[in-house]
Amino acid sequence: GKLGWVQQIAAKPDSVDAEDTQMYAVGAFLLTGSE
């Protein structure tokens, strides 16, 4: 259930890894799913 490929806290484009996750991405995933 872990959502991966999340760029970490930043202010510009940067690298991402399959294991990277963050809460704001989970929130956005749930927003999308609800709509």
PDB file of all heavy atoms in Angstrom:
ATOM      1  N   GLY A   1       0.796  -1.229   0.000  1.00  0.00           N
ATOM      2  CA  GLY A   1       0.000   0.000   0.000  1.00  0.00           C
ATOM      3  C   GLY A   1       0.819   1.265   0.000  1.00  0.00           C
ATOM      4  O   GLY A   1       0.269   2.363  -0.075  1.00  0.00           O
ATOM      5  N   LYS A   2       2.133   1.145   0.061  1.00  0.00           N
ATOM      6  CA  LYS A   2       3.010   2.323   0.031  1.00  0.00           C
ATOM      7  C   LYS A   2       3.020   2.925  -1.366  1.00  0.00           C
ATOM      8  O   LYS A   2       3.238   2.230  -2.349  1.00  0.00           O
ATOM      9  CB  LYS A   2       4.425   1.927   0.443  1.00  0.00           C
ATOM     10  CG  LYS A   2       5.452   3.053   0.355  1.00  0.00           C
ATOM     11  CD  LYS A   2       6.840   2.534   0.725  1.00  0.00           C
ATOM     12  CE  LYS A   2       7.906   3.596   0.573  1.00  0.00           C
ATOM     13  NZ  LYS A   2       9.255   3.066   0.921  1.00  0.00           N
ATOM     14  N   LEU A   3       2.785   4.228  -1.441  1.00  0.00           N
ATOM     15  CA  LEU A   3       2.834   4.942  -2.711  1.00  0.00           C
ATOM     16  C   LEU A   3       4.258   5.409  -2.956  1.00  0.00           C
ATOM     17  O   LEU A   3       4.801   6.213  -2.190  1.00  0.00           O
ATOM     18  CB  LEU A   3       1.883   6.145  -2.692  1.00  0.00           C
ATOM     19  CG  LEU A   3       1.890   7.038  -3.936  1.00  0.00           C
ATOM     20  CD1 LEU A   3       1.450   6.259  -5.178  1.00  0.00           C
ATOM     21  CD2 LEU A   3       0.991   8.257  -3.721  1.00  0.00           C
ATOM     22  N   GLY A   4       4.881   4.902  -4.009  1.00  0.00           N
ATOM     23  CA  GLY A   4       6.263   5.239  -4.304  1.00  0.00           C
ATOM     24  C   GLY A   4       6.412   6.293  -5.381  1.00  0.00           C
ATOM     25  O   GLY A   4       5.447   6.895  -5.840  1.00  0.00           O
ATOM     26  N   TRP A   5       7.660   6.518  -5.787  1.00  0.00           N
ATOM     27  CA  TRP A   5       8.019   7.473  -6.830  1.00  0.00           C
ATOM     28  C   TRP A   5       7.572   8.897  -6.506  1.00  0.00           C
ATOM     29  O   TRP A   5       7.053   9.612  -7.358  1.00  0.00           O
ATOM     30  CB  TRP A   5       7.467   7.043  -8.190  1.00  0.00           C
ATOM     31  CG  TRP A   5       8.113   5.815  -8.750  1.00  0.00           C
ATOM     32  CD1 TRP A   5       7.579   4.564  -8.828  1.00  0.00           C
ATOM     33  CD2 TRP A   5       9.435   5.720  -9.302  1.00  0.00           C
ATOM     34  NE1 TRP A   5       8.477   3.682  -9.392  1.00  0.00           N
ATOM     35  CE2 TRP A   5       9.624   4.367  -9.701  1.00  0.00           C
ATOM     36  CE3 TRP A   5      10.479   6.630  -9.501  1.00  0.00           C
ATOM     37  CZ2 TRP A   5      10.818   3.928 -10.278  1.00  0.00           C
ATOM     38  CZ3 TRP A   5      11.651   6.176 -10.084  1.00  0.00           C
ATOM     39  CH2 TRP A   5      11.818   4.844 -10.473  1.00  0.00           C
ATOM     40  N   VAL A   6       7.733   9.296  -5.235  1.00  0.00           N
ATOM     41  CA  VAL A   6       7.343  10.638  -4.797  1.00  0.00           C
ATOM     42  C   VAL A   6       8.587  11.497  -4.627  1.00  0.00           C
ATOM     43  O   VAL A   6       9.461  11.177  -3.818  1.00  0.00           O
ATOM     44  CB  VAL A   6       6.572  10.602  -3.462  1.00  0.00           C
ATOM     45  CG1 VAL A   6       6.146  12.011  -3.065  1.00  0.00           C
ATOM     46  CG2 VAL A   6       5.382   9.668  -3.552  1.00  0.00           C
ATOM     47  N   GLN A   7       8.671  12.593  -5.377  1.00  0.00           N
ATOM     48  CA  GLN A   7       9.770  13.510  -5.155  1.00  0.00           C
ATOM     49  C   GLN A   7       9.643  14.093  -3.751  1.00  0.00           C
ATOM     50  O   GLN A   7       8.568  14.493  -3.313  1.00  0.00           O
ATOM     51  CB  GLN A   7       9.789  14.641  -6.183  1.00  0.00           C
ATOM     52  CG  GLN A   7      11.025  15.522  -6.055  1.00  0.00           C
ATOM     53  CD  GLN A   7      10.999  16.740  -6.952  1.00  0.00           C
ATOM     54  OE1 GLN A   7      10.307  16.770  -7.973  1.00  0.00           O
ATOM     55  NE2 GLN A   7      11.742  17.765  -6.580  1.00  0.00           N
ATOM     56  N   GLN A   8      10.765  14.142  -3.047  1.00  0.00           N
ATOM     57  CA  GLN A   8      10.748  14.610  -1.674  1.00  0.00           C
ATOM     58  C   GLN A   8      10.547  16.127  -1.600  1.00  0.00           C
ATOM     59  O   GLN A   8      10.493  16.818  -2.619  1.00  0.00           O
ATOM     60  CB  GLN A   8      12.039  14.194  -0.969  1.00  0.00           C
ATOM     61  CG  GLN A   8      12.190  12.677  -0.840  1.00  0.00           C
ATOM     62  CD  GLN A   8      11.065  12.034  -0.053  1.00  0.00           C
ATOM     63  OE1 GLN A   8      10.964  12.179   1.157  1.00  0.00           O
ATOM     64  NE2 GLN A   8      10.194  11.308  -0.748  1.00  0.00           N
ATOM     65  N   ILE A   9      10.408  16.647  -0.385  1.00  0.00           N
ATOM     66  CA  ILE A   9      10.155  18.069  -0.169  1.00  0.00           C
ATOM     67  C   ILE A   9      11.226  18.889  -0.883  1.00  0.00           C
ATOM     68  O   ILE A   9      12.420  18.667  -0.703  1.00  0.00           O
ATOM     69  CB  ILE A   9      10.135  18.385   1.341  1.00  0.00           C
ATOM     70  CG1 ILE A   9       8.948  17.678   1.999  1.00  0.00           C
ATOM     71  CG2 ILE A   9      10.056  19.893   1.570  1.00  0.00           C
ATOM     72  CD1 ILE A   9       8.961  17.739   3.513  1.00  0.00           C
ATOM     73  N   ALA A  10      10.790  19.820  -1.716  1.00  0.00           N
ATOM     74  CA  ALA A  10      11.708  20.570  -2.559  1.00  0.00           C
ATOM     75  C   ALA A  10      10.994  21.803  -3.106  1.00  0.00           C
ATOM     76  O   ALA A  10       9.850  22.078  -2.746  1.00  0.00           O
ATOM     77  CB  ALA A  10      12.211  19.691  -3.712  1.00  0.00           C
ATOM     78  N   ALA A  11      11.683  22.517  -3.982  1.00  0.00           N
ATOM     79  CA  ALA A  11      11.092  23.680  -4.640  1.00  0.00           C
ATOM     80  C   ALA A  11      11.363  23.676  -6.135  1.00  0.00           C
ATOM     81  O   ALA A  11      11.056  24.652  -6.814  1.00  0.00           O
ATOM     82  CB  ALA A  11      11.643  24.968  -4.025  1.00  0.00           C
ATOM     83  N   LYS A  12      11.919  22.575  -6.653  1.00  0.00           N
ATOM     84  CA  LYS A  12      12.264  22.503  -8.070  1.00  0.00           C
ATOM     85  C   LYS A  12      12.366  21.043  -8.487  1.00  0.00           C
ATOM     86  O   LYS A  12      12.388  20.143  -7.629  1.00  0.00           O
ATOM     87  CB  LYS A  12      13.589  23.223  -8.328  1.00  0.00           C
ATOM     88  CG  LYS A  12      14.765  22.606  -7.594  1.00  0.00           C
ATOM     89  CD  LYS A  12      16.042  23.388  -7.833  1.00  0.00           C
ATOM     90  CE  LYS A  12      17.213  22.768  -7.070  1.00  0.00           C
ATOM     91  NZ  LYS A  12      18.468  23.523  -7.296  1.00  0.00           N
ATOM     92  N   PRO A  13      12.452  20.765  -9.775  1.00  0.00           N
ATOM     93  CA  PRO A  13      12.591  19.382 -10.231  1.00  0.00           C
ATOM     94  C   PRO A  13      13.853  18.732  -9.670  1.00  0.00           C
ATOM     95  O   PRO A  13      14.904  19.362  -9.585  1.00  0.00           O
ATOM     96  CB  PRO A  13      12.682  19.529 -11.757  1.00  0.00           C
ATOM     97  CG  PRO A  13      12.074  20.845 -12.069  1.00  0.00           C
ATOM     98  CD  PRO A  13      12.380  21.725 -10.898  1.00  0.00           C
ATOM     99  N   ASP A  14      13.715  17.459  -9.304  1.00  0.00           N
ATOM    100  CA  ASP A  14      14.856  16.729  -8.766  1.00  0.00           C
ATOM    101  C   ASP A  14      14.643  15.241  -9.022  1.00  0.00           C
ATOM    102  O   ASP A  14      13.585  14.816  -9.499  1.00  0.00           O
ATOM    103  CB  ASP A  14      15.035  17.023  -7.274  1.00  0.00           C
ATOM    104  CG  ASP A  14      16.474  16.825  -6.810  1.00  0.00           C
ATOM    105  OD1 ASP A  14      17.255  16.183  -7.552  1.00  0.00           O
ATOM    106  OD2 ASP A  14      16.820  17.296  -5.710  1.00  0.00           O
ATOM    107  N   SER A  15      15.618  14.436  -8.632  1.00  0.00           N
ATOM    108  CA  SER A  15      15.554  12.997  -8.850  1.00  0.00           C
ATOM    109  C   SER A  15      14.534  12.343  -7.922  1.00  0.00           C
ATOM    110  O   SER A  15      14.180  12.888  -6.876  1.00  0.00           O
ATOM    111  CB  SER A  15      16.933  12.368  -8.639  1.00  0.00           C
ATOM    112  OG  SER A  15      17.384  12.602  -7.318  1.00  0.00           O
ATOM    113  N   VAL A  16      14.083  11.160  -8.321  1.00  0.00           N
ATOM    114  CA  VAL A  16      13.064  10.415  -7.585  1.00  0.00           C
ATOM    115  C   VAL A  16      13.437   8.938  -7.635  1.00  0.00           C
ATOM    116  O   VAL A  16      14.012   8.469  -8.618  1.00  0.00           O
ATOM    117  CB  VAL A  16      11.654  10.602  -8.206  1.00  0.00           C
ATOM    118  CG1 VAL A  16      10.577  10.068  -7.266  1.00  0.00           C
ATOM    119  CG2 VAL A  16      11.386  12.052  -8.557  1.00  0.00           C
ATOM    120  N   ASP A  17      13.054   8.215  -6.578  1.00  0.00           N
ATOM    121  CA  ASP A  17      13.327   6.782  -6.497  1.00  0.00           C
ATOM    122  C   ASP A  17      12.013   6.034  -6.251  1.00  0.00           C
ATOM    123  O   ASP A  17      11.079   6.588  -5.660  1.00  0.00           O
ATOM    124  CB  ASP A  17      14.318   6.495  -5.368  1.00  0.00           C
ATOM    125  CG  ASP A  17      14.745   5.047  -5.337  1.00  0.00           C
ATOM    126  OD1 ASP A  17      15.685   4.674  -6.044  1.00  0.00           O
ATOM    127  OD2 ASP A  17      14.116   4.269  -4.586  1.00  0.00           O
ATOM    128  N   ALA A  18      11.975   4.790  -6.652  1.00  0.00           N
ATOM    129  CA  ALA A  18      10.765   3.979  -6.476  1.00  0.00           C
ATOM    130  C   ALA A  18      10.354   3.869  -5.017  1.00  0.00           C
ATOM    131  O   ALA A  18       9.165   3.701  -4.709  1.00  0.00           O
ATOM    132  CB  ALA A  18      10.977   2.593  -7.070  1.00  0.00           C
ATOM    133  N   GLU A  19      11.303   3.947  -4.078  1.00  0.00           N
ATOM    134  CA  GLU A  19      11.003   3.794  -2.658  1.00  0.00           C
ATOM    135  C   GLU A  19      10.598   5.101  -1.990  1.00  0.00           C
ATOM    136  O   GLU A  19      10.162   5.091  -0.842  1.00  0.00           O
ATOM    137  CB  GLU A  19      12.214   3.201  -1.930  1.00  0.00           C
ATOM    138  CG  GLU A  19      12.520   1.761  -2.298  1.00  0.00           C
ATOM    139  CD  GLU A  19      11.351   0.835  -1.982  1.00  0.00           C
ATOM    140  OE1 GLU A  19      10.788   0.938  -0.872  1.00  0.00           O
ATOM    141  OE2 GLU A  19      10.989   0.020  -2.850  1.00  0.00           O
ATOM    142  N   ASP A  20      10.754   6.214  -2.674  1.00  0.00           N
ATOM    143  CA  ASP A  20      10.434   7.510  -2.079  1.00  0.00           C
ATOM    144  C   ASP A  20       8.927   7.669  -1.930  1.00  0.00           C
ATOM    145  O   ASP A  20       8.164   7.440  -2.862  1.00  0.00           O
ATOM    146  CB  ASP A  20      10.963   8.647  -2.957  1.00  0.00           C
ATOM    147  CG  ASP A  20      12.480   8.723  -2.973  1.00  0.00           C
ATOM    148  OD1 ASP A  20      13.103   8.199  -2.035  1.00  0.00           O
ATOM    149  OD2 ASP A  20      13.039   9.310  -3.920  1.00  0.00           O
ATOM    150  N   THR A  21       8.505   8.091  -0.744  1.00  0.00           N
ATOM    151  CA  THR A  21       7.091   8.351  -0.504  1.00  0.00           C
ATOM    152  C   THR A  21       6.953   9.596   0.343  1.00  0.00           C
ATOM    153  O   THR A  21       7.928  10.084   0.935  1.00  0.00           O
ATOM    154  CB  THR A  21       6.409   7.144   0.174  1.00  0.00           C
ATOM    155  OG1 THR A  21       4.984   7.322   0.131  1.00  0.00           O
ATOM    156  CG2 THR A  21       6.843   6.981   1.624  1.00  0.00           C
ATOM    157  N   GLN A  22       5.755  10.136   0.409  1.00  0.00           N
ATOM    158  CA  GLN A  22       5.469  11.289   1.253  1.00  0.00           C
ATOM    159  C   GLN A  22       3.966  11.428   1.416  1.00  0.00           C
ATOM    160  O   GLN A  22       3.185  11.020   0.546  1.00  0.00           O
ATOM    161  CB  GLN A  22       6.042  12.578   0.666  1.00  0.00           C
ATOM    162  CG  GLN A  22       7.349  13.037   1.296  1.00  0.00           C
ATOM    163  CD  GLN A  22       7.190  13.457   2.754  1.00  0.00           C
ATOM    164  OE1 GLN A  22       6.087  13.444   3.301  1.00  0.00           O
ATOM    165  NE2 GLN A  22       8.283  13.839   3.390  1.00  0.00           N
ATOM    166  N   MET A  23       3.579  12.051   2.520  1.00  0.00           N
ATOM    167  CA  MET A  23       2.163  12.166   2.850  1.00  0.00           C
ATOM    168  C   MET A  23       1.381  13.023   1.866  1.00  0.00           C
ATOM    169  O   MET A  23       0.216  12.742   1.570  1.00  0.00           O
ATOM    170  CB  MET A  23       2.002  12.731   4.262  1.00  0.00           C
ATOM    171  CG  MET A  23       2.443  11.767   5.349  1.00  0.00           C
ATOM    172  SD  MET A  23       1.966  12.353   6.986  1.00  0.00           S
ATOM    173  CE  MET A  23       3.136  13.673   7.218  1.00  0.00           C
ATOM    174  N   TYR A  24       2.002  14.089   1.351  1.00  0.00           N
ATOM    175  CA  TYR A  24       1.254  14.958   0.442  1.00  0.00           C
ATOM    176  C   TYR A  24       0.876  14.218  -0.835  1.00  0.00           C
ATOM    177  O   TYR A  24      -0.168  14.504  -1.429  1.00  0.00           O
ATOM    178  CB  TYR A  24       2.035  16.235   0.125  1.00  0.00           C
ATOM    179  CG  TYR A  24       3.496  16.050  -0.214  1.00  0.00           C
ATOM    180  CD1 TYR A  24       3.911  15.582  -1.465  1.00  0.00           C
ATOM    181  CD2 TYR A  24       4.477  16.353   0.723  1.00  0.00           C
ATOM    182  CE1 TYR A  24       5.246  15.419  -1.765  1.00  0.00           C
ATOM    183  CE2 TYR A  24       5.822  16.196   0.434  1.00  0.00           C
ATOM    184  CZ  TYR A  24       6.207  15.734  -0.814  1.00  0.00           C
ATOM    185  OH  TYR A  24       7.549  15.570  -1.108  1.00  0.00           O
ATOM    186  N   ALA A  25       1.699  13.260  -1.259  1.00  0.00           N
ATOM    187  CA  ALA A  25       1.355  12.471  -2.442  1.00  0.00           C
ATOM    188  C   ALA A  25       0.185  11.539  -2.147  1.00  0.00           C
ATOM    189  O   ALA A  25      -0.681  11.320  -3.003  1.00  0.00           O
ATOM    190  CB  ALA A  25       2.558  11.679  -2.927  1.00  0.00           C
ATOM    191  N   VAL A  26       0.154  10.978  -0.943  1.00  0.00           N
ATOM    192  CA  VAL A  26      -0.975  10.141  -0.543  1.00  0.00           C
ATOM    193  C   VAL A  26      -2.260  10.965  -0.562  1.00  0.00           C
ATOM    194  O   VAL A  26      -3.304  10.518  -1.046  1.00  0.00           O
ATOM    195  CB  VAL A  26      -0.733   9.521   0.843  1.00  0.00           C
ATOM    196  CG1 VAL A  26      -1.991   8.806   1.347  1.00  0.00           C
ATOM    197  CG2 VAL A  26       0.441   8.547   0.790  1.00  0.00           C
ATOM    198  N   GLY A  27      -2.189  12.191  -0.026  1.00  0.00           N
ATOM    199  CA  GLY A  27      -3.361  13.061  -0.064  1.00  0.00           C
ATOM    200  C   GLY A  27      -3.838  13.309  -1.482  1.00  0.00           C
ATOM    201  O   GLY A  27      -5.043  13.267  -1.767  1.00  0.00           O
ATOM    202  N   ALA A  28      -2.890  13.570  -2.397  1.00  0.00           N
ATOM    203  CA  ALA A  28      -3.254  13.825  -3.788  1.00  0.00           C
ATOM    204  C   ALA A  28      -3.823  12.572  -4.454  1.00  0.00           C
ATOM    205  O   ALA A  28      -4.762  12.655  -5.256  1.00  0.00           O
ATOM    206  CB  ALA A  28      -2.034  14.334  -4.559  1.00  0.00           C
ATOM    207  N   PHE A  29      -3.258  11.404  -4.139  1.00  0.00           N
ATOM    208  CA  PHE A  29      -3.784  10.138  -4.662  1.00  0.00           C
ATOM    209  C   PHE A  29      -5.235   9.944  -4.228  1.00  0.00           C
ATOM    210  O   PHE A  29      -6.094   9.553  -5.028  1.00  0.00           O
ATOM    211  CB  PHE A  29      -2.922   8.981  -4.151  1.00  0.00           C
ATOM    212  CG  PHE A  29      -3.316   7.623  -4.658  1.00  0.00           C
ATOM    213  CD1 PHE A  29      -2.701   7.074  -5.768  1.00  0.00           C
ATOM    214  CD2 PHE A  29      -4.297   6.874  -4.019  1.00  0.00           C
ATOM    215  CE1 PHE A  29      -3.064   5.813  -6.243  1.00  0.00           C
ATOM    216  CE2 PHE A  29      -4.670   5.614  -4.475  1.00  0.00           C
ATOM    217  CZ  PHE A  29      -4.045   5.081  -5.598  1.00  0.00           C
ATOM    218  N   LEU A  30      -5.532  10.221  -2.964  1.00  0.00           N
ATOM    219  CA  LEU A  30      -6.892  10.050  -2.452  1.00  0.00           C
ATOM    220  C   LEU A  30      -7.844  11.090  -3.031  1.00  0.00           C
ATOM    221  O   LEU A  30      -9.028  10.795  -3.266  1.00  0.00           O
ATOM    222  CB  LEU A  30      -6.879  10.104  -0.924  1.00  0.00           C
ATOM    223  CG  LEU A  30      -6.096   8.985  -0.235  1.00  0.00           C
ATOM    224  CD1 LEU A  30      -6.042   9.210   1.273  1.00  0.00           C
ATOM    225  CD2 LEU A  30      -6.696   7.614  -0.546  1.00  0.00           C
ATOM    226  N   LEU A  31      -7.361  12.298  -3.271  1.00  0.00           N
ATOM    227  CA  LEU A  31      -8.178  13.301  -3.959  1.00  0.00           C
ATOM    228  C   LEU A  31      -8.578  12.796  -5.347  1.00  0.00           C
ATOM    229  O   LEU A  31      -9.751  12.869  -5.742  1.00  0.00           O
ATOM    230  CB  LEU A  31      -7.402  14.617  -4.103  1.00  0.00           C
ATOM    231  CG  LEU A  31      -7.426  15.600  -2.940  1.00  0.00           C
ATOM    232  CD1 LEU A  31      -6.439  16.729  -3.202  1.00  0.00           C
ATOM    233  CD2 LEU A  31      -8.818  16.161  -2.722  1.00  0.00           C
ATOM    234  N   THR A  32      -7.595  12.284  -6.073  1.00  0.00           N
ATOM    235  CA  THR A  32      -7.868  11.780  -7.418  1.00  0.00           C
ATOM    236  C   THR A  32      -8.862  10.634  -7.377  1.00  0.00           C
ATOM    237  O   THR A  32      -9.846  10.606  -8.132  1.00  0.00           O
ATOM    238  CB  THR A  32      -6.558  11.303  -8.080  1.00  0.00           C
ATOM    239  OG1 THR A  32      -5.626  12.376  -8.136  1.00  0.00           O
ATOM    240  CG2 THR A  32      -6.831  10.800  -9.490  1.00  0.00           C
ATOM    241  N   GLY A  33      -8.622   9.676  -6.499  1.00  0.00           N
ATOM    242  CA  GLY A  33      -9.506   8.524  -6.401  1.00  0.00           C
ATOM    243  C   GLY A  33     -10.928   8.905  -6.044  1.00  0.00           C
ATOM    244  O   GLY A  33     -11.889   8.342  -6.595  1.00  0.00           O
ATOM    245  N   SER A  34     -11.074   9.875  -5.147  1.00  0.00           N
ATOM    246  CA  SER A  34     -12.427  10.265  -4.721  1.00  0.00           C
ATOM    247  C   SER A  34     -13.207  10.883  -5.882  1.00  0.00           C
ATOM    248  O   SER A  34     -14.402  10.628  -6.049  1.00  0.00           O
ATOM    249  CB  SER A  34     -12.357  11.240  -3.539  1.00  0.00           C
ATOM    250  OG  SER A  34     -11.778  12.477  -3.929  1.00  0.00           O
ATOM    251  N   GLU A  35     -12.532  11.705  -6.696  1.00  0.00           N
ATOM    252  CA  GLU A  35     -13.199  12.300  -7.854  1.00  0.00           C
ATOM    253  C   GLU A  35     -13.499  11.247  -8.912  1.00  0.00           C
ATOM    254  O   GLU A  35     -14.572  11.231  -9.524  1.00  0.00           O
ATOM    255  CB  GLU A  35     -12.335  13.413  -8.447  1.00  0.00           C
ATOM    256  CG  GLU A  35     -12.277  14.665  -7.605  1.00  0.00           C
ATOM    257  CD  GLU A  35     -13.623  15.342  -7.476  1.00  0.00           C
ATOM    258  OE1 GLU A  35     -14.313  15.540  -8.494  1.00  0.00           O
ATOM    259  OE2 GLU A  35     -14.009  15.678  -6.334  1.00  0.00           O
TER     260      GLU A  35
END
